[in-house]
Each structure stands twice: as structure tokens, then as C-alpha cells.
Amino acid sequence: MKDGFSMSCQNVIECACPKTECENNRKCCACVIKHRETDSVPFCLFLDNDGDKSMANLYQKLKERFEK
């Protein structure tokens, strides 16, 4: 982790992410930190995930959802 920071996420019961090979799978805290640093959204939080997890795409999906 960045700056030697680590955190135990013992509250994870199920992981919705299909990327089981990811080193952060079932480590929600580490996953959120990674995605924050890459300006993207974790799979479990993304609406209608179609592969583009960028913040710009998330905003577009939210706009589409709420402008209906």
C-alpha cells in the first residue's frame, strides 16, 4: 500500500467483483484506495458496468439515469 498504509477489512462478507485474480479482491479498503488513486470506480459501486469505470463514464451513467 501507499506509504506503508494497510488496513484490515474484516467486515467483508461477499465481494461482488468478478476479478478474483486481483490482489485487492475481498479487500475493500485497498480496492477503494487503488481506484481513488486511478480516478476510477470499483466494480461493486459502478452503475451498469460496461467496462469503462472512469469517473467521466460514471457521471454520464448517473446523468442518463436521473434525466429519464
PDB file of N, CA and C in Angstrom:
ATOM      1  N   MET A   1       0.824  -1.193   0.000  1.00  0.00           N
ATOM      2  CA  MET A   1       0.000   0.000   0.000  1.00  0.00           C
ATOM      3  C   MET A   1       0.863   1.249   0.000  1.00  0.00           C
ATOM      4  N   LYS A   2       0.272   2.300  -0.423  1.00  0.00           N
ATOM      5  CA  LYS A   2       0.956   3.585  -0.481  1.00  0.00           C
ATOM      6  C   LYS A   2       1.397   4.016   0.915  1.00  0.00           C
ATOM      7  N   ASP A   3       2.604   4.473   1.038  1.00  0.00           N
ATOM      8  CA  ASP A   3       3.166   4.966   2.299  1.00  0.00           C
ATOM      9  C   ASP A   3       3.123   3.927   3.415  1.00  0.00           C
ATOM     10  N   GLY A   4       3.107   2.643   3.069  1.00  0.00           N
ATOM     11  CA  GLY A   4       3.093   1.597   4.079  1.00  0.00           C
ATOM     12  C   GLY A   4       1.763   1.465   4.789  1.00  0.00           C
ATOM     13  N   PHE A   5       0.740   2.136   4.314  1.00  0.00           N
ATOM     14  CA  PHE A   5      -0.580   2.104   4.936  1.00  0.00           C
ATOM     15  C   PHE A   5      -1.265   0.787   4.621  1.00  0.00           C
ATOM     16  N   SER A   6      -1.797   0.155   5.610  1.00  0.00           N
ATOM     17  CA  SER A   6      -2.585  -1.048   5.381  1.00  0.00           C
ATOM     18  C   SER A   6      -3.758  -1.046   6.345  1.00  0.00           C
ATOM     19  N   MET A   7      -4.797  -1.738   5.972  1.00  0.00           N
ATOM     20  CA  MET A   7      -5.992  -1.771   6.799  1.00  0.00           C
ATOM     21  C   MET A   7      -6.645  -3.130   6.647  1.00  0.00           C
ATOM     22  N   SER A   8      -7.092  -3.672   7.722  1.00  0.00           N
ATOM     23  CA  SER A   8      -7.808  -4.931   7.676  1.00  0.00           C
ATOM     24  C   SER A   8      -9.284  -4.646   7.443  1.00  0.00           C
ATOM     25  N   CYS A   9      -9.851  -5.320   6.477  1.00  0.00           N
ATOM     26  CA  CYS A   9     -11.277  -5.150   6.164  1.00  0.00           C
ATOM     27  C   CYS A   9     -12.009  -6.421   6.539  1.00  0.00           C
ATOM     28  N   GLN A  10     -12.124  -6.677   7.789  1.00  0.00           N
ATOM     29  CA  GLN A  10     -12.724  -7.916   8.259  1.00  0.00           C
ATOM     30  C   GLN A  10     -14.236  -7.931   8.114  1.00  0.00           C
ATOM     31  N   ASN A  11     -14.827  -6.789   7.735  1.00  0.00           N
ATOM     32  CA  ASN A  11     -16.274  -6.731   7.609  1.00  0.00           C
ATOM     33  C   ASN A  11     -16.774  -7.190   6.238  1.00  0.00           C
ATOM     34  N   VAL A  12     -15.894  -7.613   5.338  1.00  0.00           N
ATOM     35  CA  VAL A  12     -16.295  -8.060   4.012  1.00  0.00           C
ATOM     36  C   VAL A  12     -16.891  -9.457   4.111  1.00  0.00           C
ATOM     37  N   ILE A  13     -18.143  -9.577   3.711  1.00  0.00           N
ATOM     38  CA  ILE A  13     -18.812 -10.878   3.727  1.00  0.00           C
ATOM     39  C   ILE A  13     -18.825 -11.456   2.323  1.00  0.00           C
ATOM     40  N   GLU A  14     -19.236 -10.646   1.345  1.00  0.00           N
ATOM     41  CA  GLU A  14     -19.260 -11.062  -0.046  1.00  0.00           C
ATOM     42  C   GLU A  14     -18.575  -9.995  -0.881  1.00  0.00           C
ATOM     43  N   CYS A  15     -17.895 -10.424  -1.910  1.00  0.00           N
ATOM     44  CA  CYS A  15     -17.241  -9.490  -2.820  1.00  0.00           C
ATOM     45  C   CYS A  15     -17.930  -9.622  -4.172  1.00  0.00           C
ATOM     46  N   ALA A  16     -18.487  -8.530  -4.677  1.00  0.00           N
ATOM     47  CA  ALA A  16     -19.220  -8.556  -5.948  1.00  0.00           C
ATOM     48  C   ALA A  16     -18.300  -8.488  -7.159  1.00  0.00           C
ATOM     49  N   CYS A  17     -17.038  -8.230  -6.947  1.00  0.00           N
ATOM     50  CA  CYS A  17     -16.121  -8.074  -8.067  1.00  0.00           C
ATOM     51  C   CYS A  17     -15.780  -9.421  -8.695  1.00  0.00           C
ATOM     52  N   PRO A  18     -15.930  -9.527 -10.017  1.00  0.00           N
ATOM     53  CA  PRO A  18     -15.620 -10.785 -10.683  1.00  0.00           C
ATOM     54  C   PRO A  18     -14.122 -10.993 -10.910  1.00  0.00           C
ATOM     55  N   LYS A  19     -13.307  -9.990 -10.617  1.00  0.00           N
ATOM     56  CA  LYS A  19     -11.867 -10.095 -10.845  1.00  0.00           C
ATOM     57  C   LYS A  19     -11.199 -10.790  -9.650  1.00  0.00           C
ATOM     58  N   THR A  20     -11.398 -12.086  -9.557  1.00  0.00           N
ATOM     59  CA  THR A  20     -10.869 -12.835  -8.423  1.00  0.00           C
ATOM     60  C   THR A  20      -9.349 -12.902  -8.435  1.00  0.00           C
ATOM     61  N   GLU A  21      -8.725 -12.654  -9.596  1.00  0.00           N
ATOM     62  CA  GLU A  21      -7.260 -12.669  -9.664  1.00  0.00           C
ATOM     63  C   GLU A  21      -6.643 -11.367  -9.143  1.00  0.00           C
ATOM     64  N   CYS A  22      -7.451 -10.346  -8.914  1.00  0.00           N
ATOM     65  CA  CYS A  22      -6.946  -9.053  -8.423  1.00  0.00           C
ATOM     66  C   CYS A  22      -6.432  -9.197  -6.991  1.00  0.00           C
ATOM     67  N   GLU A  23      -5.301  -8.600  -6.722  1.00  0.00           N
ATOM     68  CA  GLU A  23      -4.723  -8.671  -5.375  1.00  0.00           C
ATOM     69  C   GLU A  23      -5.604  -7.984  -4.331  1.00  0.00           C
ATOM     70  N   ASN A  24      -6.518  -7.114  -4.768  1.00  0.00           N
ATOM     71  CA  ASN A  24      -7.399  -6.407  -3.840  1.00  0.00           C
ATOM     72  C   ASN A  24      -8.780  -7.034  -3.718  1.00  0.00           C
ATOM     73  N   ASN A  25      -9.019  -8.166  -4.381  1.00  0.00           N
ATOM     74  CA  ASN A  25     -10.309  -8.830  -4.287  1.00  0.00           C
ATOM     75  C   ASN A  25     -10.566  -9.219  -2.841  1.00  0.00           C
ATOM     76  N   ARG A  26     -11.747  -8.896  -2.339  1.00  0.00           N
ATOM     77  CA  ARG A  26     -12.163  -9.117  -0.945  1.00  0.00           C
ATOM     78  C   ARG A  26     -11.404  -8.238   0.050  1.00  0.00           C
ATOM     79  N   LYS A  27     -10.699  -7.221  -0.447  1.00  0.00           N
ATOM     80  CA  LYS A  27     -10.005  -6.253   0.416  1.00  0.00           C
ATOM     81  C   LYS A  27     -10.538  -4.873   0.039  1.00  0.00           C
ATOM     82  N   CYS A  28     -11.756  -4.599   0.482  1.00  0.00           N
ATOM     83  CA  CYS A  28     -12.465  -3.404   0.031  1.00  0.00           C
ATOM     84  C   CYS A  28     -11.700  -2.103   0.276  1.00  0.00           C
ATOM     85  N   CYS A  29     -11.070  -1.980   1.416  1.00  0.00           N
ATOM     86  CA  CYS A  29     -10.345  -0.746   1.722  1.00  0.00           C
ATOM     87  C   CYS A  29      -9.217  -0.516   0.719  1.00  0.00           C
ATOM     88  N   ALA A  30      -8.455  -1.556   0.424  1.00  0.00           N
ATOM     89  CA  ALA A  30      -7.351  -1.451  -0.532  1.00  0.00           C
ATOM     90  C   ALA A  30      -7.889  -1.167  -1.931  1.00  0.00           C
ATOM     91  N   CYS A  31      -9.009  -1.776  -2.269  1.00  0.00           N
ATOM     92  CA  CYS A  31      -9.619  -1.580  -3.583  1.00  0.00           C
ATOM     93  C   CYS A  31     -10.065  -0.134  -3.761  1.00  0.00           C
ATOM     94  N   VAL A  32     -10.728   0.415  -2.763  1.00  0.00           N
ATOM     95  CA  VAL A  32     -11.200   1.796  -2.846  1.00  0.00           C
ATOM     96  C   VAL A  32     -10.016   2.755  -2.969  1.00  0.00           C
ATOM     97  N   ILE A  33      -8.963   2.521  -2.218  1.00  0.00           N
ATOM     98  CA  ILE A  33      -7.769   3.372  -2.304  1.00  0.00           C
ATOM     99  C   ILE A  33      -7.172   3.304  -3.702  1.00  0.00           C
ATOM    100  N   LYS A  34      -7.046   2.103  -4.255  1.00  0.00           N
ATOM    101  CA  LYS A  34      -6.490   1.944  -5.604  1.00  0.00           C
ATOM    102  C   LYS A  34      -7.319   2.704  -6.633  1.00  0.00           C
ATOM    103  N   HIS A  35      -8.625   2.551  -6.558  1.00  0.00           N
ATOM    104  CA  HIS A  35      -9.487   3.214  -7.536  1.00  0.00           C
ATOM    105  C   HIS A  35      -9.516   4.727  -7.337  1.00  0.00           C
ATOM    106  N   ARG A  36      -9.403   5.184  -6.115  1.00  0.00           N
ATOM    107  CA  ARG A  36      -9.330   6.632  -5.865  1.00  0.00           C
ATOM    108  C   ARG A  36      -8.084   7.199  -6.517  1.00  0.00           C
ATOM    109  N   GLU A  37      -6.987   6.483  -6.404  1.00  0.00           N
ATOM    110  CA  GLU A  37      -5.723   6.943  -6.974  1.00  0.00           C
ATOM    111  C   GLU A  37      -5.708   6.882  -8.500  1.00  0.00           C
ATOM    112  N   THR A  38      -6.549   6.034  -9.104  1.00  0.00           N
ATOM    113  CA  THR A  38      -6.587   5.916 -10.566  1.00  0.00           C
ATOM    114  C   THR A  38      -7.810   6.608 -11.160  1.00  0.00           C
ATOM    115  N   ASP A  39      -8.524   7.377 -10.342  1.00  0.00           N
ATOM    116  CA  ASP A  39      -9.699   8.122 -10.788  1.00  0.00           C
ATOM    117  C   ASP A  39     -10.702   7.215 -11.494  1.00  0.00           C
ATOM    118  N   SER A  40     -10.998   6.099 -10.840  1.00  0.00           N
ATOM    119  CA  SER A  40     -11.962   5.150 -11.379  1.00  0.00           C
ATOM    120  C   SER A  40     -12.848   4.646 -10.241  1.00  0.00           C
ATOM    121  N   VAL A  41     -13.822   3.838 -10.589  1.00  0.00           N
ATOM    122  CA  VAL A  41     -14.808   3.366  -9.626  1.00  0.00           C
ATOM    123  C   VAL A  41     -14.710   1.844  -9.500  1.00  0.00           C
ATOM    124  N   PRO A  42     -14.710   1.311  -8.269  1.00  0.00           N
ATOM    125  CA  PRO A  42     -14.695  -0.142  -8.101  1.00  0.00           C
ATOM    126  C   PRO A  42     -15.927  -0.782  -8.746  1.00  0.00           C
ATOM    127  N   PHE A  43     -15.782  -1.989  -9.237  1.00  0.00           N
ATOM    128  CA  PHE A  43     -16.853  -2.720  -9.898  1.00  0.00           C
ATOM    129  C   PHE A  43     -18.125  -2.736  -9.055  1.00  0.00           C
ATOM    130  N   CYS A  44     -17.998  -2.977  -7.764  1.00  0.00           N
ATOM    131  CA  CYS A  44     -19.171  -3.136  -6.904  1.00  0.00           C
ATOM    132  C   CYS A  44     -19.979  -1.852  -6.759  1.00  0.00           C
ATOM    133  N   LEU A  45     -19.392  -0.699  -7.053  1.00  0.00           N
ATOM    134  CA  LEU A  45     -20.098   0.575  -6.926  1.00  0.00           C
ATOM    135  C   LEU A  45     -20.538   1.165  -8.252  1.00  0.00           C
ATOM    136  N   PHE A  46     -20.127   0.550  -9.355  1.00  0.00           N
ATOM    137  CA  PHE A  46     -20.400   1.141 -10.655  1.00  0.00           C
ATOM    138  C   PHE A  46     -21.779   0.752 -11.169  1.00  0.00           C
ATOM    139  N   LEU A  47     -22.475   1.727 -11.731  1.00  0.00           N
ATOM    140  CA  LEU A  47     -23.789   1.504 -12.309  1.00  0.00           C
ATOM    141  C   LEU A  47     -23.637   0.928 -13.714  1.00  0.00           C
ATOM    142  N   ASP A  48     -24.365  -0.096 -14.036  1.00  0.00           N
ATOM    143  CA  ASP A  48     -24.380  -0.642 -15.395  1.00  0.00           C
ATOM    144  C   ASP A  48     -22.969  -0.800 -15.937  1.00  0.00           C
ATOM    145  N   ASN A  49     -22.126  -1.492 -15.218  1.00  0.00           N
ATOM    146  CA  ASN A  49     -20.719  -1.611 -15.582  1.00  0.00           C
ATOM    147  C   ASN A  49     -20.554  -2.239 -16.949  1.00  0.00           C
ATOM    148  N   ASP A  50     -19.985  -1.467 -17.863  1.00  0.00           N
ATOM    149  CA  ASP A  50     -19.757  -1.964 -19.221  1.00  0.00           C
ATOM    150  C   ASP A  50     -18.275  -1.961 -19.564  1.00  0.00           C
ATOM    151  N   GLY A  51     -17.440  -1.934 -18.555  1.00  0.00           N
ATOM    152  CA  GLY A  51     -16.004  -1.985 -18.786  1.00  0.00           C
ATOM    153  C   GLY A  51     -15.291  -0.658 -18.570  1.00  0.00           C
ATOM    154  N   ASP A  52     -15.996   0.460 -18.774  1.00  0.00           N
ATOM    155  CA  ASP A  52     -15.393   1.782 -18.582  1.00  0.00           C
ATOM    156  C   ASP A  52     -15.735   2.255 -17.180  1.00  0.00           C
ATOM    157  N   LYS A  53     -14.777   2.175 -16.269  1.00  0.00           N
ATOM    158  CA  LYS A  53     -15.026   2.527 -14.874  1.00  0.00           C
ATOM    159  C   LYS A  53     -14.511   3.921 -14.527  1.00  0.00           C
ATOM    160  N   SER A  54     -14.312   4.761 -15.539  1.00  0.00           N
ATOM    161  CA  SER A  54     -13.808   6.109 -15.289  1.00  0.00           C
ATOM    162  C   SER A  54     -14.885   6.958 -14.612  1.00  0.00           C
ATOM    163  N   MET A  55     -14.441   7.991 -13.918  1.00  0.00           N
ATOM    164  CA  MET A  55     -15.380   8.905 -13.264  1.00  0.00           C
ATOM    165  C   MET A  55     -16.264   9.580 -14.309  1.00  0.00           C
ATOM    166  N   ALA A  56     -15.706   9.942 -15.453  1.00  0.00           N
ATOM    167  CA  ALA A  56     -16.488  10.596 -16.512  1.00  0.00           C
ATOM    168  C   ALA A  56     -17.646   9.695 -16.955  1.00  0.00           C
ATOM    169  N   ASN A  57     -17.381   8.392 -17.118  1.00  0.00           N
ATOM    170  CA  ASN A  57     -18.438   7.473 -17.518  1.00  0.00           C
ATOM    171  C   ASN A  57     -19.467   7.298 -16.403  1.00  0.00           C
ATOM    172  N   LEU A  58     -19.015   7.272 -15.150  1.00  0.00           N
ATOM    173  CA  LEU A  58     -19.956   7.175 -14.030  1.00  0.00           C
ATOM    174  C   LEU A  58     -20.892   8.375 -14.033  1.00  0.00           C
ATOM    175  N   TYR A  59     -20.349   9.578 -14.216  1.00  0.00           N
ATOM    176  CA  TYR A  59     -21.187  10.777 -14.257  1.00  0.00           C
ATOM    177  C   TYR A  59     -22.188  10.698 -15.402  1.00  0.00           C
ATOM    178  N   GLN A  60     -21.746  10.203 -16.554  1.00  0.00           N
ATOM    179  CA  GLN A  60     -22.642  10.053 -17.701  1.00  0.00           C
ATOM    180  C   GLN A  60     -23.764   9.066 -17.386  1.00  0.00           C
ATOM    181  N   LYS A  61     -23.429   7.939 -16.758  1.00  0.00           N
ATOM    182  CA  LYS A  61     -24.445   6.942 -16.403  1.00  0.00           C
ATOM    183  C   LYS A  61     -25.440   7.508 -15.398  1.00  0.00           C
ATOM    184  N   LEU A  62     -24.943   8.260 -14.417  1.00  0.00           N
ATOM    185  CA  LEU A  62     -25.837   8.880 -13.441  1.00  0.00           C
ATOM    186  C   LEU A  62     -26.753   9.896 -14.112  1.00  0.00           C
ATOM    187  N   LYS A  63     -26.197  10.694 -15.009  1.00  0.00           N
ATOM    188  CA  LYS A  63     -26.978  11.686 -15.740  1.00  0.00           C
ATOM    189  C   LYS A  63     -28.091  10.998 -16.526  1.00  0.00           C
ATOM    190  N   GLU A  64     -27.738   9.926 -17.242  1.00  0.00           N
ATOM    191  CA  GLU A  64     -28.732   9.182 -18.010  1.00  0.00           C
ATOM    192  C   GLU A  64     -29.833   8.628 -17.099  1.00  0.00           C
ATOM    193  N   ARG A  65     -29.438   8.109 -15.952  1.00  0.00           N
ATOM    194  CA  ARG A  65     -30.400   7.501 -15.038  1.00  0.00           C
ATOM    195  C   ARG A  65     -31.381   8.530 -14.482  1.00  0.00           C
ATOM    196  N   PHE A  66     -30.872   9.710 -14.111  1.00  0.00           N
ATOM    197  CA  PHE A  66     -31.717  10.694 -13.443  1.00  0.00           C
ATOM    198  C   PHE A  66     -32.401  11.681 -14.380  1.00  0.00           C
ATOM    199  N   GLU A  67     -32.073  11.646 -15.657  1.00  0.00           N
ATOM    200  CA  GLU A  67     -32.743  12.526 -16.609  1.00  0.00           C
ATOM    201  C   GLU A  67     -33.862  11.818 -17.363  1.00  0.00           C
ATOM    202  N   LYS A  68     -34.185  10.615 -16.957  1.00  0.00           N
ATOM    203  CA  LYS A  68     -35.267   9.859 -17.613  1.00  0.00           C
ATOM    204  C   LYS A  68     -36.617  10.434 -17.256  1.00  0.00           C
TER     205      LYS A  68
END
